[in-house]
């Protein structure tokens, strides 16, 4: 998520009219049937609905009704850790005991995923181990992903970018699989 979106959300939530804001979600399909889940924080629901609908329509998507796609995404705790001075095997054992479901590493980061209900216990275990995560969030993780050809994927990514550029949008989740071929085409 862009840093500007985070700063904008903080300003909205701490401003004089902070209590006037409400959280809302939107679900729809992008080009090629990619599921997209959008979380918003808004003080004017009509404006937000209009801008989200316009983004979907302009980029070849269809806005659905609430609940129409929520079954495709599962709410999970996701922790991002920098692995400096960490014994990965010991960390895995400790975090599995605390409720971690999946632990992946790409050499630069360790990504720990847990059930929403285990977020607190995994976070507590990291604190006990003296590890401060770079990021600790509840995210919507797709149950499965879809691969697309590069051109179709670029269309979906343009829709996602248009949604993320909206001031009211906090998070955009999707089930597009980022393949090596797509990453190379975007670089």
N, C-alpha and C. Protein backbone atom coordinates (compact mmCIF):
# COMPACT_ATOMS: atom_id res chain seq x y z
N UNK A 1 0.85 -1.17 0.00
CA UNK A 1 0.00 0.00 0.00
C UNK A 1 0.89 1.23 0.00
N UNK A 2 0.55 2.23 -0.81
CA UNK A 2 1.36 3.45 -0.85
C UNK A 2 1.35 4.19 0.48
N UNK A 3 2.48 4.79 0.80
CA UNK A 3 2.63 5.52 2.06
C UNK A 3 1.62 6.65 2.16
N UNK A 4 1.29 7.30 1.03
CA UNK A 4 0.34 8.41 1.05
C UNK A 4 -1.03 7.95 1.54
N UNK A 5 -1.45 6.74 1.16
CA UNK A 5 -2.75 6.21 1.60
C UNK A 5 -2.77 6.03 3.12
N UNK A 6 -1.67 5.54 3.66
CA UNK A 6 -1.59 5.33 5.10
C UNK A 6 -1.66 6.68 5.83
N UNK A 7 -0.88 7.65 5.37
CA UNK A 7 -0.88 8.96 6.00
C UNK A 7 -2.26 9.61 5.90
N UNK A 8 -2.92 9.48 4.76
CA UNK A 8 -4.24 10.05 4.56
C UNK A 8 -5.24 9.42 5.52
N UNK A 9 -5.15 8.12 5.71
CA UNK A 9 -6.06 7.41 6.62
C UNK A 9 -5.85 7.87 8.06
N UNK A 10 -4.60 8.07 8.45
CA UNK A 10 -4.31 8.54 9.80
C UNK A 10 -4.87 9.93 10.01
N UNK A 11 -4.69 10.81 9.03
CA UNK A 11 -5.23 12.16 9.14
C UNK A 11 -6.75 12.14 9.25
N UNK A 12 -7.40 11.28 8.45
CA UNK A 12 -8.86 11.19 8.49
C UNK A 12 -9.33 10.72 9.87
N UNK A 13 -8.68 9.71 10.38
CA UNK A 13 -9.12 9.09 11.63
C UNK A 13 -8.83 9.96 12.85
N UNK A 14 -7.84 10.84 12.79
CA UNK A 14 -7.49 11.65 13.95
C UNK A 14 -7.99 13.08 13.86
N UNK A 15 -8.62 13.43 12.77
CA UNK A 15 -9.11 14.80 12.58
C UNK A 15 -10.31 15.10 13.47
N UNK A 16 -10.76 16.34 13.43
CA UNK A 16 -11.87 16.79 14.27
C UNK A 16 -13.16 16.03 13.97
N UNK A 17 -13.32 15.57 12.74
CA UNK A 17 -14.53 14.86 12.35
C UNK A 17 -14.32 13.36 12.27
N UNK A 18 -13.39 12.85 13.05
CA UNK A 18 -13.03 11.43 12.97
C UNK A 18 -14.22 10.51 13.23
N UNK A 19 -15.12 10.91 14.11
CA UNK A 19 -16.26 10.03 14.42
C UNK A 19 -17.26 9.95 13.27
N UNK A 20 -17.17 10.83 12.29
CA UNK A 20 -18.10 10.83 11.17
C UNK A 20 -17.69 9.82 10.09
N UNK A 21 -16.55 9.19 10.22
CA UNK A 21 -16.08 8.23 9.22
C UNK A 21 -16.62 6.84 9.50
N UNK A 22 -16.87 6.12 8.42
CA UNK A 22 -17.34 4.75 8.54
C UNK A 22 -16.56 3.84 7.60
N UNK A 23 -16.42 2.61 8.03
CA UNK A 23 -15.75 1.62 7.19
C UNK A 23 -16.79 0.96 6.29
N UNK A 24 -16.40 0.73 5.06
CA UNK A 24 -17.29 0.05 4.13
C UNK A 24 -16.45 -0.80 3.18
N UNK A 25 -17.04 -1.83 2.63
CA UNK A 25 -16.32 -2.71 1.72
C UNK A 25 -17.11 -2.85 0.41
N UNK A 26 -16.37 -3.13 -0.64
CA UNK A 26 -16.96 -3.35 -1.96
C UNK A 26 -16.33 -4.60 -2.54
N UNK A 27 -17.14 -5.35 -3.28
CA UNK A 27 -16.67 -6.59 -3.90
C UNK A 27 -17.09 -6.59 -5.35
N UNK A 28 -16.22 -7.08 -6.19
CA UNK A 28 -16.55 -7.16 -7.60
C UNK A 28 -15.55 -7.98 -8.37
N UNK A 29 -15.82 -8.10 -9.66
CA UNK A 29 -14.92 -8.83 -10.55
C UNK A 29 -14.26 -7.85 -11.49
N UNK A 30 -12.96 -8.01 -11.67
CA UNK A 30 -12.23 -7.22 -12.63
C UNK A 30 -12.21 -7.93 -13.97
N UNK A 31 -11.43 -7.41 -14.91
CA UNK A 31 -11.30 -8.09 -16.20
C UNK A 31 -10.84 -9.54 -16.02
N UNK A 32 -11.30 -10.40 -16.88
CA UNK A 32 -10.94 -11.82 -16.89
C UNK A 32 -11.40 -12.55 -15.63
N UNK A 33 -12.38 -12.00 -14.91
CA UNK A 33 -12.96 -12.70 -13.77
C UNK A 33 -12.12 -12.70 -12.49
N UNK A 34 -11.20 -11.77 -12.37
CA UNK A 34 -10.39 -11.68 -11.15
C UNK A 34 -11.25 -11.06 -10.04
N UNK A 35 -11.30 -11.73 -8.89
CA UNK A 35 -12.06 -11.24 -7.75
C UNK A 35 -11.30 -10.10 -7.08
N UNK A 36 -12.02 -9.01 -6.75
CA UNK A 36 -11.40 -7.84 -6.12
C UNK A 36 -12.24 -7.44 -4.92
N UNK A 37 -11.59 -7.27 -3.78
CA UNK A 37 -12.24 -6.89 -2.53
C UNK A 37 -11.62 -5.57 -2.10
N UNK A 38 -12.44 -4.53 -1.88
CA UNK A 38 -11.96 -3.18 -1.58
C UNK A 38 -12.46 -2.76 -0.20
N UNK A 39 -11.54 -2.32 0.67
CA UNK A 39 -11.90 -1.78 1.98
C UNK A 39 -11.73 -0.28 1.95
N UNK A 40 -12.75 0.45 2.44
CA UNK A 40 -12.73 1.91 2.40
C UNK A 40 -13.04 2.49 3.78
N UNK A 41 -12.59 3.73 3.98
CA UNK A 41 -12.93 4.54 5.14
C UNK A 41 -13.43 5.85 4.58
N UNK A 42 -14.70 6.18 4.85
CA UNK A 42 -15.29 7.33 4.17
C UNK A 42 -16.17 8.16 5.10
N UNK A 43 -16.28 9.44 4.77
CA UNK A 43 -17.22 10.32 5.46
C UNK A 43 -18.43 10.61 4.57
N UNK A 44 -18.40 10.11 3.32
CA UNK A 44 -19.49 10.32 2.38
C UNK A 44 -19.65 9.05 1.56
N UNK A 45 -20.55 8.20 1.99
CA UNK A 45 -20.72 6.90 1.35
C UNK A 45 -21.15 7.02 -0.10
N UNK A 46 -22.01 7.99 -0.41
CA UNK A 46 -22.47 8.16 -1.80
C UNK A 46 -21.30 8.47 -2.73
N UNK A 47 -20.40 9.33 -2.32
CA UNK A 47 -19.22 9.66 -3.12
C UNK A 47 -18.35 8.42 -3.34
N UNK A 48 -18.16 7.66 -2.27
CA UNK A 48 -17.31 6.48 -2.36
C UNK A 48 -17.91 5.43 -3.28
N UNK A 49 -19.20 5.15 -3.13
CA UNK A 49 -19.88 4.18 -4.00
C UNK A 49 -19.74 4.60 -5.45
N UNK A 50 -19.96 5.88 -5.71
CA UNK A 50 -19.88 6.40 -7.07
C UNK A 50 -18.48 6.25 -7.66
N UNK A 51 -17.46 6.59 -6.90
CA UNK A 51 -16.10 6.52 -7.43
C UNK A 51 -15.63 5.08 -7.61
N UNK A 52 -16.02 4.19 -6.71
CA UNK A 52 -15.64 2.77 -6.83
C UNK A 52 -16.34 2.15 -8.04
N UNK A 53 -17.63 2.44 -8.18
CA UNK A 53 -18.40 1.92 -9.33
C UNK A 53 -17.80 2.43 -10.64
N UNK A 54 -17.45 3.73 -10.67
CA UNK A 54 -16.86 4.31 -11.89
C UNK A 54 -15.54 3.63 -12.25
N UNK A 55 -14.71 3.35 -11.25
CA UNK A 55 -13.43 2.68 -11.51
C UNK A 55 -13.66 1.28 -12.09
N UNK A 56 -14.58 0.53 -11.49
CA UNK A 56 -14.88 -0.81 -12.02
C UNK A 56 -15.39 -0.72 -13.45
N UNK A 57 -16.34 0.18 -13.71
CA UNK A 57 -16.92 0.30 -15.05
C UNK A 57 -15.88 0.75 -16.08
N UNK A 58 -15.06 1.72 -15.74
CA UNK A 58 -14.07 2.26 -16.67
C UNK A 58 -13.02 1.22 -17.07
N UNK A 59 -12.70 0.32 -16.16
CA UNK A 59 -11.62 -0.64 -16.41
C UNK A 59 -12.13 -2.05 -16.69
N UNK A 60 -13.39 -2.17 -17.09
CA UNK A 60 -13.90 -3.47 -17.54
C UNK A 60 -14.28 -4.43 -16.44
N UNK A 61 -14.61 -3.91 -15.26
CA UNK A 61 -15.00 -4.77 -14.15
C UNK A 61 -16.49 -4.64 -13.86
N UNK A 62 -16.95 -5.43 -12.91
CA UNK A 62 -18.34 -5.39 -12.47
C UNK A 62 -18.38 -5.35 -10.96
N UNK A 63 -19.02 -4.34 -10.40
CA UNK A 63 -19.19 -4.24 -8.96
C UNK A 63 -20.31 -5.17 -8.54
N UNK A 64 -20.05 -5.99 -7.53
CA UNK A 64 -21.06 -6.93 -7.06
C UNK A 64 -21.69 -6.46 -5.77
N UNK A 65 -22.55 -7.28 -5.21
CA UNK A 65 -23.18 -6.95 -3.94
C UNK A 65 -22.29 -7.42 -2.80
N UNK A 66 -22.43 -6.78 -1.64
CA UNK A 66 -21.63 -7.18 -0.49
C UNK A 66 -21.92 -8.63 -0.13
N UNK A 67 -20.87 -9.38 0.10
CA UNK A 67 -21.00 -10.79 0.42
C UNK A 67 -20.87 -11.70 -0.79
N UNK A 68 -20.87 -11.11 -1.98
CA UNK A 68 -20.82 -11.94 -3.18
C UNK A 68 -19.45 -12.58 -3.41
N UNK A 69 -18.40 -11.99 -2.86
CA UNK A 69 -17.06 -12.55 -3.05
C UNK A 69 -16.33 -12.84 -1.74
N UNK A 70 -16.92 -12.51 -0.62
CA UNK A 70 -16.20 -12.64 0.65
C UNK A 70 -15.77 -14.09 0.92
N UNK A 71 -16.47 -15.06 0.35
CA UNK A 71 -16.10 -16.46 0.55
C UNK A 71 -14.79 -16.82 -0.17
N UNK A 72 -14.36 -15.98 -1.12
CA UNK A 72 -13.11 -16.24 -1.85
C UNK A 72 -11.88 -15.76 -1.08
N UNK A 73 -12.10 -14.98 -0.03
CA UNK A 73 -10.99 -14.42 0.75
C UNK A 73 -11.16 -14.81 2.21
N UNK A 74 -10.05 -15.11 2.85
CA UNK A 74 -10.07 -15.45 4.26
C UNK A 74 -9.27 -14.40 5.03
N UNK A 75 -9.80 -13.94 6.14
CA UNK A 75 -9.12 -12.93 6.95
C UNK A 75 -8.03 -13.64 7.76
N UNK A 76 -6.79 -13.21 7.56
CA UNK A 76 -5.65 -13.85 8.24
C UNK A 76 -4.72 -12.80 8.80
N UNK A 77 -3.97 -13.20 9.81
CA UNK A 77 -2.91 -12.36 10.34
C UNK A 77 -1.66 -12.60 9.52
N UNK A 78 -1.00 -11.49 9.11
CA UNK A 78 0.22 -11.61 8.31
C UNK A 78 1.30 -10.76 8.96
N UNK A 79 2.42 -11.38 9.28
CA UNK A 79 3.56 -10.70 9.89
C UNK A 79 4.73 -10.74 8.92
N UNK A 80 5.38 -9.61 8.73
CA UNK A 80 6.57 -9.55 7.89
C UNK A 80 7.75 -9.25 8.82
N UNK A 81 8.78 -10.11 8.75
CA UNK A 81 9.92 -10.01 9.65
C UNK A 81 11.20 -9.95 8.83
N UNK A 82 12.12 -9.07 9.25
CA UNK A 82 13.46 -9.04 8.65
C UNK A 82 14.28 -10.10 9.39
N UNK A 83 14.89 -11.05 8.67
CA UNK A 83 15.52 -12.21 9.33
C UNK A 83 16.92 -11.99 9.91
N UNK A 84 17.28 -10.77 10.23
CA UNK A 84 18.63 -10.52 10.75
C UNK A 84 18.83 -11.18 12.11
N UNK A 85 19.81 -12.07 12.19
CA UNK A 85 20.17 -12.72 13.45
C UNK A 85 19.12 -13.67 13.98
N UNK A 86 18.28 -14.18 13.12
CA UNK A 86 17.20 -15.07 13.56
C UNK A 86 17.47 -16.48 13.06
N UNK A 87 17.39 -17.44 13.98
CA UNK A 87 17.49 -18.85 13.61
C UNK A 87 16.12 -19.28 13.12
N UNK A 88 16.00 -19.51 11.83
CA UNK A 88 14.70 -19.79 11.20
C UNK A 88 14.05 -21.05 11.76
N UNK A 89 14.83 -22.10 12.00
CA UNK A 89 14.26 -23.36 12.51
C UNK A 89 13.65 -23.17 13.89
N UNK A 90 14.36 -22.47 14.78
CA UNK A 90 13.83 -22.22 16.12
C UNK A 90 12.60 -21.32 16.06
N UNK A 91 12.66 -20.30 15.20
CA UNK A 91 11.53 -19.39 15.05
C UNK A 91 10.29 -20.15 14.57
N UNK A 92 10.47 -21.03 13.60
CA UNK A 92 9.34 -21.80 13.08
C UNK A 92 8.70 -22.64 14.18
N UNK A 93 9.50 -23.31 14.99
CA UNK A 93 8.95 -24.14 16.07
C UNK A 93 8.16 -23.30 17.07
N UNK A 94 8.73 -22.17 17.47
CA UNK A 94 8.07 -21.29 18.43
C UNK A 94 6.75 -20.74 17.87
N UNK A 95 6.77 -20.30 16.62
CA UNK A 95 5.57 -19.68 16.03
C UNK A 95 4.49 -20.70 15.71
N UNK A 96 4.88 -21.91 15.35
CA UNK A 96 3.89 -22.95 15.11
C UNK A 96 3.16 -23.27 16.41
N UNK A 97 3.91 -23.32 17.52
CA UNK A 97 3.27 -23.53 18.82
C UNK A 97 2.32 -22.40 19.17
N UNK A 98 2.60 -21.18 18.69
CA UNK A 98 1.75 -20.02 18.99
C UNK A 98 0.55 -19.92 18.05
N UNK A 99 0.51 -20.74 16.98
CA UNK A 99 -0.65 -20.73 16.10
C UNK A 99 -0.36 -20.35 14.66
N UNK A 100 0.90 -20.18 14.27
CA UNK A 100 1.22 -19.85 12.88
C UNK A 100 0.83 -21.00 11.97
N UNK A 101 0.24 -20.66 10.83
CA UNK A 101 -0.17 -21.67 9.86
C UNK A 101 0.87 -21.88 8.77
N UNK A 102 1.54 -20.79 8.38
CA UNK A 102 2.48 -20.86 7.27
C UNK A 102 3.63 -19.90 7.52
N UNK A 103 4.84 -20.34 7.23
CA UNK A 103 6.03 -19.50 7.37
C UNK A 103 6.84 -19.65 6.09
N UNK A 104 6.97 -18.53 5.36
CA UNK A 104 7.70 -18.54 4.09
C UNK A 104 8.84 -17.54 4.19
N UNK A 105 9.90 -17.81 3.44
CA UNK A 105 11.00 -16.85 3.39
C UNK A 105 11.50 -16.73 1.96
N UNK A 106 11.89 -15.52 1.60
CA UNK A 106 12.47 -15.29 0.28
C UNK A 106 13.92 -14.82 0.40
N UNK A 107 14.48 -14.96 1.60
CA UNK A 107 15.86 -14.52 1.84
C UNK A 107 15.92 -13.13 2.43
N UNK A 108 15.04 -12.24 1.97
CA UNK A 108 15.03 -10.86 2.47
C UNK A 108 14.00 -10.67 3.57
N UNK A 109 12.95 -11.44 3.56
CA UNK A 109 11.85 -11.30 4.52
C UNK A 109 11.32 -12.68 4.90
N UNK A 110 10.78 -12.75 6.11
CA UNK A 110 10.06 -13.93 6.55
C UNK A 110 8.60 -13.50 6.65
N UNK A 111 7.71 -14.25 6.01
CA UNK A 111 6.27 -13.95 6.04
C UNK A 111 5.60 -15.04 6.85
N UNK A 112 4.96 -14.64 7.95
CA UNK A 112 4.26 -15.57 8.84
C UNK A 112 2.77 -15.30 8.70
N UNK A 113 2.01 -16.37 8.43
CA UNK A 113 0.56 -16.26 8.27
C UNK A 113 -0.11 -17.10 9.35
N UNK A 114 -1.16 -16.53 9.95
CA UNK A 114 -1.91 -17.25 10.98
C UNK A 114 -3.40 -16.96 10.83
N UNK A 115 -4.22 -17.75 11.50
CA UNK A 115 -5.66 -17.49 11.52
C UNK A 115 -5.90 -16.17 12.25
N UNK A 116 -6.99 -15.51 11.91
CA UNK A 116 -7.33 -14.24 12.54
C UNK A 116 -7.38 -14.39 14.06
N UNK A 117 -7.90 -15.50 14.53
CA UNK A 117 -8.05 -15.76 15.96
C UNK A 117 -6.70 -15.91 16.67
N UNK A 118 -5.65 -16.30 15.93
CA UNK A 118 -4.33 -16.51 16.53
C UNK A 118 -3.41 -15.30 16.39
N UNK A 119 -3.92 -14.20 15.85
CA UNK A 119 -3.09 -13.00 15.63
C UNK A 119 -2.43 -12.54 16.94
N UNK A 120 -3.21 -12.46 18.00
CA UNK A 120 -2.69 -11.99 19.28
C UNK A 120 -1.64 -12.90 19.86
N UNK A 121 -1.84 -14.21 19.79
CA UNK A 121 -0.87 -15.14 20.38
C UNK A 121 0.43 -15.17 19.58
N UNK A 122 0.35 -15.05 18.25
CA UNK A 122 1.57 -15.01 17.44
C UNK A 122 2.33 -13.70 17.71
N UNK A 123 1.59 -12.60 17.81
CA UNK A 123 2.22 -11.31 18.10
C UNK A 123 2.88 -11.35 19.48
N UNK A 124 2.21 -11.93 20.46
CA UNK A 124 2.76 -12.05 21.82
C UNK A 124 4.04 -12.89 21.81
N UNK A 125 4.04 -13.96 21.04
CA UNK A 125 5.22 -14.83 20.95
C UNK A 125 6.39 -14.09 20.33
N UNK A 126 6.13 -13.27 19.30
CA UNK A 126 7.20 -12.48 18.68
C UNK A 126 7.79 -11.50 19.69
N UNK A 127 6.93 -10.88 20.50
CA UNK A 127 7.41 -9.95 21.53
C UNK A 127 8.26 -10.69 22.54
N UNK A 128 7.82 -11.88 22.97
CA UNK A 128 8.59 -12.70 23.92
C UNK A 128 9.97 -13.06 23.36
N UNK A 129 10.03 -13.29 22.05
CA UNK A 129 11.30 -13.65 21.41
C UNK A 129 12.16 -12.43 21.10
N UNK A 130 11.62 -11.24 21.38
CA UNK A 130 12.37 -10.01 21.12
C UNK A 130 12.43 -9.64 19.65
N UNK A 131 11.45 -10.09 18.89
CA UNK A 131 11.41 -9.82 17.46
C UNK A 131 10.31 -8.79 17.18
N UNK A 132 10.69 -7.68 16.57
CA UNK A 132 9.70 -6.68 16.20
C UNK A 132 9.40 -6.83 14.72
N UNK A 133 8.16 -7.21 14.38
CA UNK A 133 7.84 -7.37 12.96
C UNK A 133 7.87 -6.04 12.23
N UNK A 134 8.30 -6.10 10.99
CA UNK A 134 8.30 -4.91 10.13
C UNK A 134 6.86 -4.50 9.84
N UNK A 135 5.97 -5.51 9.76
CA UNK A 135 4.57 -5.27 9.49
C UNK A 135 3.75 -6.37 10.17
N UNK A 136 2.66 -5.98 10.81
CA UNK A 136 1.75 -6.94 11.45
C UNK A 136 0.33 -6.47 11.16
N UNK A 137 -0.36 -7.19 10.27
CA UNK A 137 -1.68 -6.74 9.81
C UNK A 137 -2.65 -7.90 9.69
N UNK A 138 -3.93 -7.56 9.74
CA UNK A 138 -4.95 -8.51 9.33
C UNK A 138 -5.23 -8.22 7.87
N UNK A 139 -5.11 -9.24 7.03
CA UNK A 139 -5.32 -9.08 5.59
C UNK A 139 -6.32 -10.10 5.10
N UNK A 140 -6.87 -9.82 3.94
CA UNK A 140 -7.74 -10.79 3.27
C UNK A 140 -6.87 -11.54 2.26
N UNK A 141 -6.72 -12.81 2.50
CA UNK A 141 -5.87 -13.66 1.67
C UNK A 141 -6.77 -14.51 0.78
N UNK A 142 -6.52 -14.52 -0.54
CA UNK A 142 -7.38 -15.33 -1.42
C UNK A 142 -7.19 -16.82 -1.16
N UNK A 143 -8.31 -17.57 -1.21
CA UNK A 143 -8.24 -19.02 -1.01
C UNK A 143 -7.53 -19.70 -2.17
N UNK A 144 -7.67 -19.15 -3.37
CA UNK A 144 -6.93 -19.62 -4.53
C UNK A 144 -6.69 -18.44 -5.47
N UNK A 145 -5.71 -18.59 -6.33
CA UNK A 145 -5.36 -17.50 -7.24
C UNK A 145 -5.58 -17.94 -8.68
N UNK A 146 -5.67 -16.95 -9.57
CA UNK A 146 -5.85 -17.23 -10.99
C UNK A 146 -4.67 -16.67 -11.77
N UNK A 147 -4.17 -17.46 -12.69
CA UNK A 147 -3.11 -17.01 -13.59
C UNK A 147 -3.76 -16.42 -14.84
N UNK A 148 -3.19 -15.31 -15.31
CA UNK A 148 -3.67 -14.70 -16.54
C UNK A 148 -2.48 -14.44 -17.46
N UNK A 149 -2.79 -14.26 -18.75
CA UNK A 149 -1.75 -13.84 -19.67
C UNK A 149 -1.37 -12.40 -19.32
N UNK A 150 -0.24 -11.94 -19.80
CA UNK A 150 0.31 -10.64 -19.41
C UNK A 150 -0.64 -9.49 -19.74
N UNK A 151 -1.24 -9.49 -20.93
CA UNK A 151 -2.12 -8.39 -21.32
C UNK A 151 -3.36 -8.30 -20.43
N UNK A 152 -3.98 -9.44 -20.15
CA UNK A 152 -5.16 -9.45 -19.28
C UNK A 152 -4.78 -9.02 -17.87
N UNK A 153 -3.64 -9.48 -17.39
CA UNK A 153 -3.18 -9.12 -16.04
C UNK A 153 -2.91 -7.62 -15.94
N UNK A 154 -2.38 -7.03 -16.99
CA UNK A 154 -2.13 -5.58 -16.98
C UNK A 154 -3.43 -4.80 -16.86
N UNK A 155 -4.50 -5.28 -17.51
CA UNK A 155 -5.81 -4.63 -17.40
C UNK A 155 -6.30 -4.67 -15.95
N UNK A 156 -6.14 -5.82 -15.32
CA UNK A 156 -6.56 -5.98 -13.93
C UNK A 156 -5.75 -5.04 -13.04
N UNK A 157 -4.44 -4.98 -13.27
CA UNK A 157 -3.58 -4.14 -12.45
C UNK A 157 -3.90 -2.66 -12.62
N UNK A 158 -4.35 -2.25 -13.81
CA UNK A 158 -4.78 -0.86 -14.01
C UNK A 158 -6.01 -0.55 -13.16
N UNK A 159 -6.95 -1.50 -13.08
CA UNK A 159 -8.13 -1.32 -12.24
C UNK A 159 -7.71 -1.23 -10.77
N UNK A 160 -6.84 -2.11 -10.34
CA UNK A 160 -6.37 -2.11 -8.95
C UNK A 160 -5.68 -0.78 -8.63
N UNK A 161 -4.86 -0.30 -9.55
CA UNK A 161 -4.18 0.98 -9.35
C UNK A 161 -5.18 2.13 -9.26
N UNK A 162 -6.20 2.12 -10.11
CA UNK A 162 -7.23 3.17 -10.07
C UNK A 162 -7.96 3.14 -8.73
N UNK A 163 -8.25 1.96 -8.21
CA UNK A 163 -8.91 1.86 -6.92
C UNK A 163 -8.00 2.36 -5.80
N UNK A 164 -6.74 1.96 -5.82
CA UNK A 164 -5.79 2.39 -4.78
C UNK A 164 -5.56 3.89 -4.79
N UNK A 165 -5.73 4.54 -5.94
CA UNK A 165 -5.54 5.98 -6.03
C UNK A 165 -6.70 6.77 -5.42
N UNK A 166 -7.83 6.13 -5.16
CA UNK A 166 -8.97 6.81 -4.55
C UNK A 166 -8.65 7.13 -3.09
N UNK A 167 -8.96 8.36 -2.66
CA UNK A 167 -8.64 8.80 -1.31
C UNK A 167 -9.33 7.97 -0.22
N UNK A 168 -10.51 7.44 -0.51
CA UNK A 168 -11.26 6.69 0.50
C UNK A 168 -10.83 5.23 0.62
N UNK A 169 -10.11 4.72 -0.35
CA UNK A 169 -9.72 3.31 -0.36
C UNK A 169 -8.53 3.09 0.57
N UNK A 170 -8.68 2.10 1.45
CA UNK A 170 -7.62 1.73 2.39
C UNK A 170 -6.83 0.52 1.90
N UNK A 171 -7.52 -0.50 1.42
CA UNK A 171 -6.87 -1.73 0.97
C UNK A 171 -7.63 -2.30 -0.22
N UNK A 172 -6.87 -2.90 -1.15
CA UNK A 172 -7.46 -3.61 -2.28
C UNK A 172 -6.84 -5.00 -2.30
N UNK A 173 -7.69 -6.02 -2.23
CA UNK A 173 -7.24 -7.41 -2.26
C UNK A 173 -7.76 -8.05 -3.54
N UNK A 174 -6.99 -8.98 -4.10
CA UNK A 174 -7.39 -9.64 -5.35
C UNK A 174 -6.84 -11.05 -5.38
N UNK A 175 -7.30 -11.84 -6.33
CA UNK A 175 -6.81 -13.22 -6.44
C UNK A 175 -6.00 -13.43 -7.73
N UNK A 176 -5.40 -12.37 -8.26
CA UNK A 176 -4.52 -12.48 -9.43
C UNK A 176 -3.17 -13.02 -8.97
N UNK A 177 -2.71 -14.08 -9.61
CA UNK A 177 -1.40 -14.63 -9.28
C UNK A 177 -0.32 -13.85 -10.01
N UNK A 178 0.64 -13.35 -9.26
CA UNK A 178 1.75 -12.60 -9.84
C UNK A 178 2.82 -13.61 -10.29
N UNK A 179 2.79 -13.95 -11.57
CA UNK A 179 3.74 -14.91 -12.13
C UNK A 179 5.06 -14.23 -12.44
N UNK A 180 6.09 -15.02 -12.64
CA UNK A 180 7.41 -14.48 -13.01
C UNK A 180 7.33 -13.74 -14.35
N UNK A 181 6.53 -14.29 -15.26
CA UNK A 181 6.36 -13.66 -16.59
C UNK A 181 5.73 -12.27 -16.45
N UNK A 182 4.71 -12.16 -15.59
CA UNK A 182 4.06 -10.87 -15.36
C UNK A 182 5.01 -9.90 -14.67
N UNK A 183 5.74 -10.36 -13.69
CA UNK A 183 6.70 -9.49 -12.98
C UNK A 183 7.76 -8.97 -13.95
N UNK A 184 8.23 -9.82 -14.85
CA UNK A 184 9.23 -9.39 -15.84
C UNK A 184 8.64 -8.36 -16.80
N UNK A 185 7.37 -8.52 -17.18
CA UNK A 185 6.73 -7.57 -18.10
C UNK A 185 6.49 -6.22 -17.43
N UNK A 186 6.30 -6.21 -16.13
CA UNK A 186 6.06 -4.96 -15.41
C UNK A 186 7.34 -4.23 -15.06
N UNK A 187 8.45 -4.93 -15.05
CA UNK A 187 9.73 -4.32 -14.65
C UNK A 187 10.29 -3.36 -15.67
